Amino acid sequence: MPRLSGARSQKAGLAPGTLIHVGKKKLGTVQISRIDYSEDWLAERASISAEDALVTKRRPKVRWINVDGLQQVDVLEKLGSHFKINPLVL
């Protein structure tokens, strides 16, 4: 297996599950949308903040949160913490 000389991962030396963006740097912001639904209703919100993705007046049976763009790891950390998602999964 060929090795790339001088190429070292930005994650080298960090604890497993540490969130760090290693892809191409993007200037745009993360876009978040939320869909709540049950058997008898549907509510959809687009272009919301991470905080708005978590707040609701009516407890949905199912909540789908879509995150477009992964360059802002603080957004993923906030959502992962709220939903108790293991950092290795994030």
PDB file of N, CA and C in Angstrom:
ATOM      1  N   MET A   1       0.853  -1.165   0.000  1.00  0.00           N
ATOM      2  CA  MET A   1       0.000   0.000   0.000  1.00  0.00           C
ATOM      3  C   MET A   1       0.905   1.236   0.000  1.00  0.00           C
ATOM      4  N   PRO A   2       0.716   2.134  -0.945  1.00  0.00           N
ATOM      5  CA  PRO A   2       1.580   3.314  -1.020  1.00  0.00           C
ATOM      6  C   PRO A   2       1.284   4.306   0.102  1.00  0.00           C
ATOM      7  N   ARG A   3       2.322   4.934   0.597  1.00  0.00           N
ATOM      8  CA  ARG A   3       2.180   5.968   1.621  1.00  0.00           C
ATOM      9  C   ARG A   3       2.449   7.313   0.990  1.00  0.00           C
ATOM     10  N   LEU A   4       1.713   8.281   1.412  1.00  0.00           N
ATOM     11  CA  LEU A   4       1.924   9.630   0.933  1.00  0.00           C
ATOM     12  C   LEU A   4       2.959  10.296   1.831  1.00  0.00           C
ATOM     13  N   SER A   5       4.046  10.729   1.256  1.00  0.00           N
ATOM     14  CA  SER A   5       5.075  11.364   2.062  1.00  0.00           C
ATOM     15  C   SER A   5       4.607  12.740   2.512  1.00  0.00           C
ATOM     16  N   GLY A   6       4.768  13.015   3.784  1.00  0.00           N
ATOM     17  CA  GLY A   6       4.421  14.320   4.317  1.00  0.00           C
ATOM     18  C   GLY A   6       2.945  14.509   4.612  1.00  0.00           C
ATOM     19  N   ALA A   7       2.093  13.591   4.204  1.00  0.00           N
ATOM     20  CA  ALA A   7       0.661  13.738   4.455  1.00  0.00           C
ATOM     21  C   ALA A   7       0.331  13.124   5.805  1.00  0.00           C
ATOM     22  N   ARG A   8      -0.209  13.934   6.683  1.00  0.00           N
ATOM     23  CA  ARG A   8      -0.592  13.455   7.996  1.00  0.00           C
ATOM     24  C   ARG A   8      -1.994  13.972   8.302  1.00  0.00           C
ATOM     25  N   SER A   9      -2.812  13.117   8.798  1.00  0.00           N
ATOM     26  CA  SER A   9      -4.187  13.494   9.100  1.00  0.00           C
ATOM     27  C   SER A   9      -4.218  14.568  10.175  1.00  0.00           C
ATOM     28  N   GLN A  10      -5.172  15.487  10.050  1.00  0.00           N
ATOM     29  CA  GLN A  10      -5.362  16.520  11.059  1.00  0.00           C
ATOM     30  C   GLN A  10      -5.900  15.927  12.354  1.00  0.00           C
ATOM     31  N   LYS A  11      -6.396  14.705  12.284  1.00  0.00           N
ATOM     32  CA  LYS A  11      -6.955  14.051  13.463  1.00  0.00           C
ATOM     33  C   LYS A  11      -5.897  13.277  14.244  1.00  0.00           C
ATOM     34  N   ALA A  12      -4.695  13.144  13.686  1.00  0.00           N
ATOM     35  CA  ALA A  12      -3.644  12.380  14.349  1.00  0.00           C
ATOM     36  C   ALA A  12      -3.353  12.976  15.718  1.00  0.00           C
ATOM     37  N   GLY A  13      -3.355  12.127  16.731  1.00  0.00           N
ATOM     38  CA  GLY A  13      -3.050  12.558  18.087  1.00  0.00           C
ATOM     39  C   GLY A  13      -4.259  13.010  18.891  1.00  0.00           C
ATOM     40  N   LEU A  14      -5.418  13.153  18.253  1.00  0.00           N
ATOM     41  CA  LEU A  14      -6.625  13.564  18.961  1.00  0.00           C
ATOM     42  C   LEU A  14      -7.342  12.332  19.511  1.00  0.00           C
ATOM     43  N   ALA A  15      -8.140  12.535  20.525  1.00  0.00           N
ATOM     44  CA  ALA A  15      -8.908  11.439  21.109  1.00  0.00           C
ATOM     45  C   ALA A  15      -9.933  10.920  20.102  1.00  0.00           C
ATOM     46  N   PRO A  16     -10.233   9.619  20.129  1.00  0.00           N
ATOM     47  CA  PRO A  16     -11.257   9.087  19.240  1.00  0.00           C
ATOM     48  C   PRO A  16     -12.589   9.803  19.461  1.00  0.00           C
ATOM     49  N   GLY A  17     -13.263  10.144  18.385  1.00  0.00           N
ATOM     50  CA  GLY A  17     -14.535  10.829  18.474  1.00  0.00           C
ATOM     51  C   GLY A  17     -14.424  12.346  18.506  1.00  0.00           C
ATOM     52  N   THR A  18     -13.188  12.876  18.478  1.00  0.00           N
ATOM     53  CA  THR A  18     -13.021  14.322  18.438  1.00  0.00           C
ATOM     54  C   THR A  18     -13.512  14.835  17.099  1.00  0.00           C
ATOM     55  N   LEU A  19     -14.409  15.818  17.137  1.00  0.00           N
ATOM     56  CA  LEU A  19     -14.955  16.355  15.893  1.00  0.00           C
ATOM     57  C   LEU A  19     -14.010  17.402  15.329  1.00  0.00           C
ATOM     58  N   ILE A  20     -13.632  17.201  14.092  1.00  0.00           N
ATOM     59  CA  ILE A  20     -12.794  18.155  13.377  1.00  0.00           C
ATOM     60  C   ILE A  20     -13.135  18.031  11.898  1.00  0.00           C
ATOM     61  N   HIS A  21     -13.274  19.144  11.227  1.00  0.00           N
ATOM     62  CA  HIS A  21     -13.577  19.127   9.798  1.00  0.00           C
ATOM     63  C   HIS A  21     -12.270  18.949   9.044  1.00  0.00           C
ATOM     64  N   VAL A  22     -12.173  17.890   8.239  1.00  0.00           N
ATOM     65  CA  VAL A  22     -10.930  17.608   7.511  1.00  0.00           C
ATOM     66  C   VAL A  22     -11.084  17.773   6.006  1.00  0.00           C
ATOM     67  N   GLY A  23     -12.246  18.129   5.544  1.00  0.00           N
ATOM     68  CA  GLY A  23     -12.473  18.301   4.114  1.00  0.00           C
ATOM     69  C   GLY A  23     -12.051  19.676   3.640  1.00  0.00           C
ATOM     70  N   LYS A  24     -12.477  20.004   2.442  1.00  0.00           N
ATOM     71  CA  LYS A  24     -12.191  21.333   1.898  1.00  0.00           C
ATOM     72  C   LYS A  24     -12.944  22.380   2.701  1.00  0.00           C
ATOM     73  N   LYS A  25     -12.278  23.484   2.990  1.00  0.00           N
ATOM     74  CA  LYS A  25     -12.915  24.573   3.734  1.00  0.00           C
ATOM     75  C   LYS A  25     -13.953  25.248   2.850  1.00  0.00           C
ATOM     76  N   LYS A  26     -15.160  25.378   3.371  1.00  0.00           N
ATOM     77  CA  LYS A  26     -16.244  26.010   2.637  1.00  0.00           C
ATOM     78  C   LYS A  26     -16.610  27.312   3.338  1.00  0.00           C
ATOM     79  N   LEU A  27     -16.929  28.309   2.559  1.00  0.00           N
ATOM     80  CA  LEU A  27     -17.246  29.613   3.119  1.00  0.00           C
ATOM     81  C   LEU A  27     -18.698  29.720   3.558  1.00  0.00           C
ATOM     82  N   GLY A  28     -19.571  28.939   2.979  1.00  0.00           N
ATOM     83  CA  GLY A  28     -20.994  29.021   3.298  1.00  0.00           C
ATOM     84  C   GLY A  28     -21.300  28.526   4.698  1.00  0.00           C
ATOM     85  N   THR A  29     -22.469  28.887   5.161  1.00  0.00           N
ATOM     86  CA  THR A  29     -22.900  28.435   6.472  1.00  0.00           C
ATOM     87  C   THR A  29     -23.645  27.116   6.359  1.00  0.00           C
ATOM     88  N   VAL A  30     -23.762  26.448   7.464  1.00  0.00           N
ATOM     89  CA  VAL A  30     -24.504  25.199   7.530  1.00  0.00           C
ATOM     90  C   VAL A  30     -25.993  25.511   7.409  1.00  0.00           C
ATOM     91  N   GLN A  31     -26.708  24.753   6.620  1.00  0.00           N
ATOM     92  CA  GLN A  31     -28.158  24.909   6.451  1.00  0.00           C
ATOM     93  C   GLN A  31     -28.847  23.769   7.194  1.00  0.00           C
ATOM     94  N   ILE A  32     -29.770  24.124   8.075  1.00  0.00           N
ATOM     95  CA  ILE A  32     -30.486  23.124   8.869  1.00  0.00           C
ATOM     96  C   ILE A  32     -31.974  23.244   8.573  1.00  0.00           C
ATOM     97  N   SER A  33     -32.615  22.104   8.391  1.00  0.00           N
ATOM     98  CA  SER A  33     -34.065  22.066   8.256  1.00  0.00           C
ATOM     99  C   SER A  33     -34.615  20.990   9.186  1.00  0.00           C
ATOM    100  N   ARG A  34     -35.894  21.153   9.551  1.00  0.00           N
ATOM    101  CA  ARG A  34     -36.515  20.234  10.506  1.00  0.00           C
ATOM    102  C   ARG A  34     -37.896  19.851  10.001  1.00  0.00           C
ATOM    103  N   ILE A  35     -38.201  18.565  10.088  1.00  0.00           N
ATOM    104  CA  ILE A  35     -39.526  18.067   9.748  1.00  0.00           C
ATOM    105  C   ILE A  35     -40.037  17.262  10.941  1.00  0.00           C
ATOM    106  N   ASP A  36     -41.195  17.670  11.470  1.00  0.00           N
ATOM    107  CA  ASP A  36     -41.872  16.935  12.533  1.00  0.00           C
ATOM    108  C   ASP A  36     -43.151  16.359  11.945  1.00  0.00           C
ATOM    109  N   TYR A  37     -43.438  15.112  12.283  1.00  0.00           N
ATOM    110  CA  TYR A  37     -44.680  14.541  11.767  1.00  0.00           C
ATOM    111  C   TYR A  37     -45.182  13.395  12.644  1.00  0.00           C
ATOM    112  N   SER A  38     -46.447  13.130  12.468  1.00  0.00           N
ATOM    113  CA  SER A  38     -47.113  11.993  13.096  1.00  0.00           C
ATOM    114  C   SER A  38     -48.155  11.486  12.109  1.00  0.00           C
ATOM    115  N   GLU A  39     -49.062  10.654  12.579  1.00  0.00           N
ATOM    116  CA  GLU A  39     -50.080  10.095  11.683  1.00  0.00           C
ATOM    117  C   GLU A  39     -51.015  11.158  11.134  1.00  0.00           C
ATOM    118  N   ASP A  40     -51.231  12.245  11.906  1.00  0.00           N
ATOM    119  CA  ASP A  40     -52.250  13.208  11.513  1.00  0.00           C
ATOM    120  C   ASP A  40     -51.752  14.630  11.247  1.00  0.00           C
ATOM    121  N   TRP A  41     -50.454  14.895  11.298  1.00  0.00           N
ATOM    122  CA  TRP A  41     -49.967  16.244  11.025  1.00  0.00           C
ATOM    123  C   TRP A  41     -48.512  16.243  10.566  1.00  0.00           C
ATOM    124  N   LEU A  42     -48.147  17.375   9.964  1.00  0.00           N
ATOM    125  CA  LEU A  42     -46.797  17.560   9.442  1.00  0.00           C
ATOM    126  C   LEU A  42     -46.410  19.026   9.619  1.00  0.00           C
ATOM    127  N   ALA A  43     -45.202  19.273  10.087  1.00  0.00           N
ATOM    128  CA  ALA A  43     -44.687  20.638  10.220  1.00  0.00           C
ATOM    129  C   ALA A  43     -43.253  20.651   9.704  1.00  0.00           C
ATOM    130  N   GLU A  44     -42.971  21.578   8.801  1.00  0.00           N
ATOM    131  CA  GLU A  44     -41.635  21.657   8.204  1.00  0.00           C
ATOM    132  C   GLU A  44     -41.093  23.073   8.349  1.00  0.00           C
ATOM    133  N   ARG A  45     -39.824  23.180   8.742  1.00  0.00           N
ATOM    134  CA  ARG A  45     -39.156  24.478   8.845  1.00  0.00           C
ATOM    135  C   ARG A  45     -37.800  24.359   8.169  1.00  0.00           C
ATOM    136  N   ALA A  46     -37.470  25.354   7.369  1.00  0.00           N
ATOM    137  CA  ALA A  46     -36.194  25.358   6.643  1.00  0.00           C
ATOM    138  C   ALA A  46     -35.354  26.542   7.094  1.00  0.00           C
ATOM    139  N   SER A  47     -34.059  26.446   6.875  1.00  0.00           N
ATOM    140  CA  SER A  47     -33.104  27.511   7.196  1.00  0.00           C
ATOM    141  C   SER A  47     -33.252  27.981   8.637  1.00  0.00           C
ATOM    142  N   ILE A  48     -33.070  27.049   9.562  1.00  0.00           N
ATOM    143  CA  ILE A  48     -33.199  27.365  10.977  1.00  0.00           C
ATOM    144  C   ILE A  48     -31.853  27.187  11.678  1.00  0.00           C
ATOM    145  N   SER A  49     -31.757  27.696  12.895  1.00  0.00           N
ATOM    146  CA  SER A  49     -30.535  27.537  13.685  1.00  0.00           C
ATOM    147  C   SER A  49     -30.554  26.181  14.392  1.00  0.00           C
ATOM    148  N   ALA A  50     -29.424  25.810  14.953  1.00  0.00           N
ATOM    149  CA  ALA A  50     -29.351  24.545  15.695  1.00  0.00           C
ATOM    150  C   ALA A  50     -30.304  24.577  16.882  1.00  0.00           C
ATOM    151  N   GLU A  51     -30.426  25.718  17.542  1.00  0.00           N
ATOM    152  CA  GLU A  51     -31.342  25.837  18.676  1.00  0.00           C
ATOM    153  C   GLU A  51     -32.794  25.642  18.239  1.00  0.00           C
ATOM    154  N   ASP A  52     -33.157  26.234  17.098  1.00  0.00           N
ATOM    155  CA  ASP A  52     -34.517  26.084  16.583  1.00  0.00           C
ATOM    156  C   ASP A  52     -34.809  24.649  16.158  1.00  0.00           C
ATOM    157  N   ALA A  53     -33.790  23.916  15.790  1.00  0.00           N
ATOM    158  CA  ALA A  53     -33.991  22.519  15.396  1.00  0.00           C
ATOM    159  C   ALA A  53     -34.424  21.677  16.590  1.00  0.00           C
ATOM    160  N   LEU A  54     -34.119  22.150  17.793  1.00  0.00           N
ATOM    161  CA  LEU A  54     -34.402  21.372  18.993  1.00  0.00           C
ATOM    162  C   LEU A  54     -35.700  21.774  19.685  1.00  0.00           C
ATOM    163  N   VAL A  55     -36.174  22.988  19.441  1.00  0.00           N
ATOM    164  CA  VAL A  55     -37.340  23.526  20.153  1.00  0.00           C
ATOM    165  C   VAL A  55     -38.622  23.215  19.385  1.00  0.00           C
ATOM    166  N   THR A  56     -39.661  22.868  20.126  1.00  0.00           N
ATOM    167  CA  THR A  56     -40.972  22.666  19.529  1.00  0.00           C
ATOM    168  C   THR A  56     -42.050  22.885  20.588  1.00  0.00           C
ATOM    169  N   LYS A  57     -43.214  23.335  20.169  1.00  0.00           N
ATOM    170  CA  LYS A  57     -44.326  23.505  21.090  1.00  0.00           C
ATOM    171  C   LYS A  57     -45.129  22.219  21.213  1.00  0.00           C
ATOM    172  N   ARG A  58     -45.104  21.435  20.165  1.00  0.00           N
ATOM    173  CA  ARG A  58     -45.857  20.185  20.139  1.00  0.00           C
ATOM    174  C   ARG A  58     -44.861  19.041  20.018  1.00  0.00           C
ATOM    175  N   ARG A  59     -44.973  18.065  20.871  1.00  0.00           N
ATOM    176  CA  ARG A  59     -44.025  16.947  20.844  1.00  0.00           C
ATOM    177  C   ARG A  59     -44.322  16.043  19.647  1.00  0.00           C
ATOM    178  N   PRO A  60     -43.402  16.001  18.688  1.00  0.00           N
ATOM    179  CA  PRO A  60     -43.650  15.178  17.500  1.00  0.00           C
ATOM    180  C   PRO A  60     -43.406  13.695  17.776  1.00  0.00           C
ATOM    181  N   LYS A  61     -44.073  12.867  17.021  1.00  0.00           N
ATOM    182  CA  LYS A  61     -43.770  11.441  17.094  1.00  0.00           C
ATOM    183  C   LYS A  61     -42.443  11.172  16.405  1.00  0.00           C
ATOM    184  N   VAL A  62     -42.221  11.854  15.273  1.00  0.00           N
ATOM    185  CA  VAL A  62     -40.982  11.686  14.522  1.00  0.00           C
ATOM    186  C   VAL A  62     -40.422  13.060  14.196  1.00  0.00           C
ATOM    187  N   ARG A  63     -39.128  13.253  14.400  1.00  0.00           N
ATOM    188  CA  ARG A  63     -38.454  14.497  14.032  1.00  0.00           C
ATOM    189  C   ARG A  63     -37.259  14.133  13.160  1.00  0.00           C
ATOM    190  N   TRP A  64     -37.209  14.759  11.992  1.00  0.00           N
ATOM    191  CA  TRP A  64     -36.096  14.592  11.073  1.00  0.00           C
ATOM    192  C   TRP A  64     -35.362  15.925  11.009  1.00  0.00           C
ATOM    193  N   ILE A  65     -34.067  15.911  11.326  1.00  0.00           N
ATOM    194  CA  ILE A  65     -33.244  17.116  11.226  1.00  0.00           C
ATOM    195  C   ILE A  65     -32.217  16.871  10.143  1.00  0.00           C
ATOM    196  N   ASN A  66     -32.236  17.722   9.144  1.00  0.00           N
ATOM    197  CA  ASN A  66     -31.299  17.599   8.032  1.00  0.00           C
ATOM    198  C   ASN A  66     -30.253  18.705   8.147  1.00  0.00           C
ATOM    199  N   VAL A  67     -28.985  18.313   8.099  1.00  0.00           N
ATOM    200  CA  VAL A  67     -27.875  19.261   8.179  1.00  0.00           C
ATOM    201  C   VAL A  67     -27.115  19.201   6.861  1.00  0.00           C
ATOM    202  N   ASP A  68     -27.127  20.304   6.124  1.00  0.00           N
ATOM    203  CA  ASP A  68     -26.382  20.410   4.872  1.00  0.00           C
ATOM    204  C   ASP A  68     -25.132  21.232   5.134  1.00  0.00           C
ATOM    205  N   GLY A  69     -23.982  20.567   5.070  1.00  0.00           N
ATOM    206  CA  GLY A  69     -22.706  21.214   5.352  1.00  0.00           C
ATOM    207  C   GLY A  69     -22.199  20.780   6.716  1.00  0.00           C
ATOM    208  N   LEU A  70     -20.981  20.328   6.764  1.00  0.00           N
ATOM    209  CA  LEU A  70     -20.429  19.808   8.007  1.00  0.00           C
ATOM    210  C   LEU A  70     -19.230  20.604   8.495  1.00  0.00           C
ATOM    211  N   GLN A  71     -18.988  21.768   7.895  1.00  0.00           N
ATOM    212  CA  GLN A  71     -17.780  22.510   8.214  1.00  0.00           C
ATOM    213  C   GLN A  71     -17.826  23.199   9.576  1.00  0.00           C
ATOM    214  N   GLN A  72     -18.993  23.377  10.154  1.00  0.00           N
ATOM    215  CA  GLN A  72     -19.108  23.997  11.474  1.00  0.00           C
ATOM    216  C   GLN A  72     -19.391  22.911  12.505  1.00  0.00           C
ATOM    217  N   VAL A  73     -18.324  22.368  13.085  1.00  0.00           N
ATOM    218  CA  VAL A  73     -18.479  21.230  13.987  1.00  0.00           C
ATOM    219  C   VAL A  73     -19.226  21.593  15.264  1.00  0.00           C
ATOM    220  N   ASP A  74     -19.276  22.869  15.640  1.00  0.00           N
ATOM    221  CA  ASP A  74     -20.018  23.256  16.836  1.00  0.00           C
ATOM    222  C   ASP A  74     -21.516  22.960  16.683  1.00  0.00           C
ATOM    223  N   VAL A  75     -22.030  23.060  15.474  1.00  0.00           N
ATOM    224  CA  VAL A  75     -23.434  22.726  15.217  1.00  0.00           C
ATOM    225  C   VAL A  75     -23.658  21.235  15.450  1.00  0.00           C
ATOM    226  N   LEU A  76     -22.764  20.407  14.938  1.00  0.00           N
ATOM    227  CA  LEU A  76     -22.884  18.958  15.130  1.00  0.00           C
ATOM    228  C   LEU A  76     -22.739  18.588  16.597  1.00  0.00           C
ATOM    229  N   GLU A  77     -21.819  19.252  17.301  1.00  0.00           N
ATOM    230  CA  GLU A  77     -21.645  18.983  18.731  1.00  0.00           C
ATOM    231  C   GLU A  77     -22.910  19.325  19.511  1.00  0.00           C
ATOM    232  N   LYS A  78     -23.542  20.443  19.176  1.00  0.00           N
ATOM    233  CA  LYS A  78     -24.759  20.870  19.867  1.00  0.00           C
ATOM    234  C   LYS A  78     -25.893  19.875  19.634  1.00  0.00           C
ATOM    235  N   LEU A  79     -26.097  19.476  18.394  1.00  0.00           N
ATOM    236  CA  LEU A  79     -27.151  18.512  18.085  1.00  0.00           C
ATOM    237  C   LEU A  79     -26.836  17.149  18.703  1.00  0.00           C
ATOM    238  N   GLY A  80     -25.585  16.723  18.585  1.00  0.00           N
ATOM    239  CA  GLY A  80     -25.187  15.434  19.147  1.00  0.00           C
ATOM    240  C   GLY A  80     -25.347  15.381  20.646  1.00  0.00           C
ATOM    241  N   SER A  81     -25.012  16.472  21.328  1.00  0.00           N
ATOM    242  CA  SER A  81     -25.156  16.533  22.783  1.00  0.00           C
ATOM    243  C   SER A  81     -26.624  16.454  23.185  1.00  0.00           C
ATOM    244  N   HIS A  82     -27.471  17.196  22.499  1.00  0.00           N
ATOM    245  CA  HIS A  82     -28.898  17.207  22.824  1.00  0.00           C
ATOM    246  C   HIS A  82     -29.525  15.821  22.653  1.00  0.00           C
ATOM    247  N   PHE A  83     -29.194  15.149  21.561  1.00  0.00           N
ATOM    248  CA  PHE A  83     -29.782  13.847  21.267  1.00  0.00           C
ATOM    249  C   PHE A  83     -28.959  12.679  21.803  1.00  0.00           C
ATOM    250  N   LYS A  84     -27.900  12.987  22.557  1.00  0.00           N
ATOM    251  CA  LYS A  84     -27.038  11.969  23.167  1.00  0.00           C
ATOM    252  C   LYS A  84     -26.472  10.999  22.112  1.00  0.00           C
ATOM    253  N   ILE A  85     -25.978  11.570  21.017  1.00  0.00           N
ATOM    254  CA  ILE A  85     -25.369  10.769  19.952  1.00  0.00           C
ATOM    255  C   ILE A  85     -23.891  10.576  20.285  1.00  0.00           C
ATOM    256  N   ASN A  86     -23.431   9.356  20.261  1.00  0.00           N
ATOM    257  CA  ASN A  86     -22.044   9.057  20.568  1.00  0.00           C
ATOM    258  C   ASN A  86     -21.119   9.816  19.622  1.00  0.00           C
ATOM    259  N   PRO A  87     -20.061  10.450  20.151  1.00  0.00           N
ATOM    260  CA  PRO A  87     -19.133  11.195  19.301  1.00  0.00           C
ATOM    261  C   PRO A  87     -18.504  10.372  18.171  1.00  0.00           C
ATOM    262  N   LEU A  88     -18.356   9.081  18.372  1.00  0.00           N
ATOM    263  CA  LEU A  88     -17.816   8.236  17.306  1.00  0.00           C
ATOM    264  C   LEU A  88     -18.790   8.143  16.131  1.00  0.00           C
ATOM    265  N   VAL A  89     -20.073   8.258  16.404  1.00  0.00           N
ATOM    266  CA  VAL A  89     -21.086   8.248  15.357  1.00  0.00           C
ATOM    267  C   VAL A  89     -21.071   9.578  14.610  1.00  0.00           C
ATOM    268  N   LEU A  90     -20.908  10.681  15.360  1.00  0.00           N
ATOM    269  CA  LEU A  90     -20.868  11.992  14.729  1.00  0.00           C
ATOM    270  C   LEU A  90     -19.668  12.082  13.820  1.00  0.00           C
TER     271      LEU A  90
END
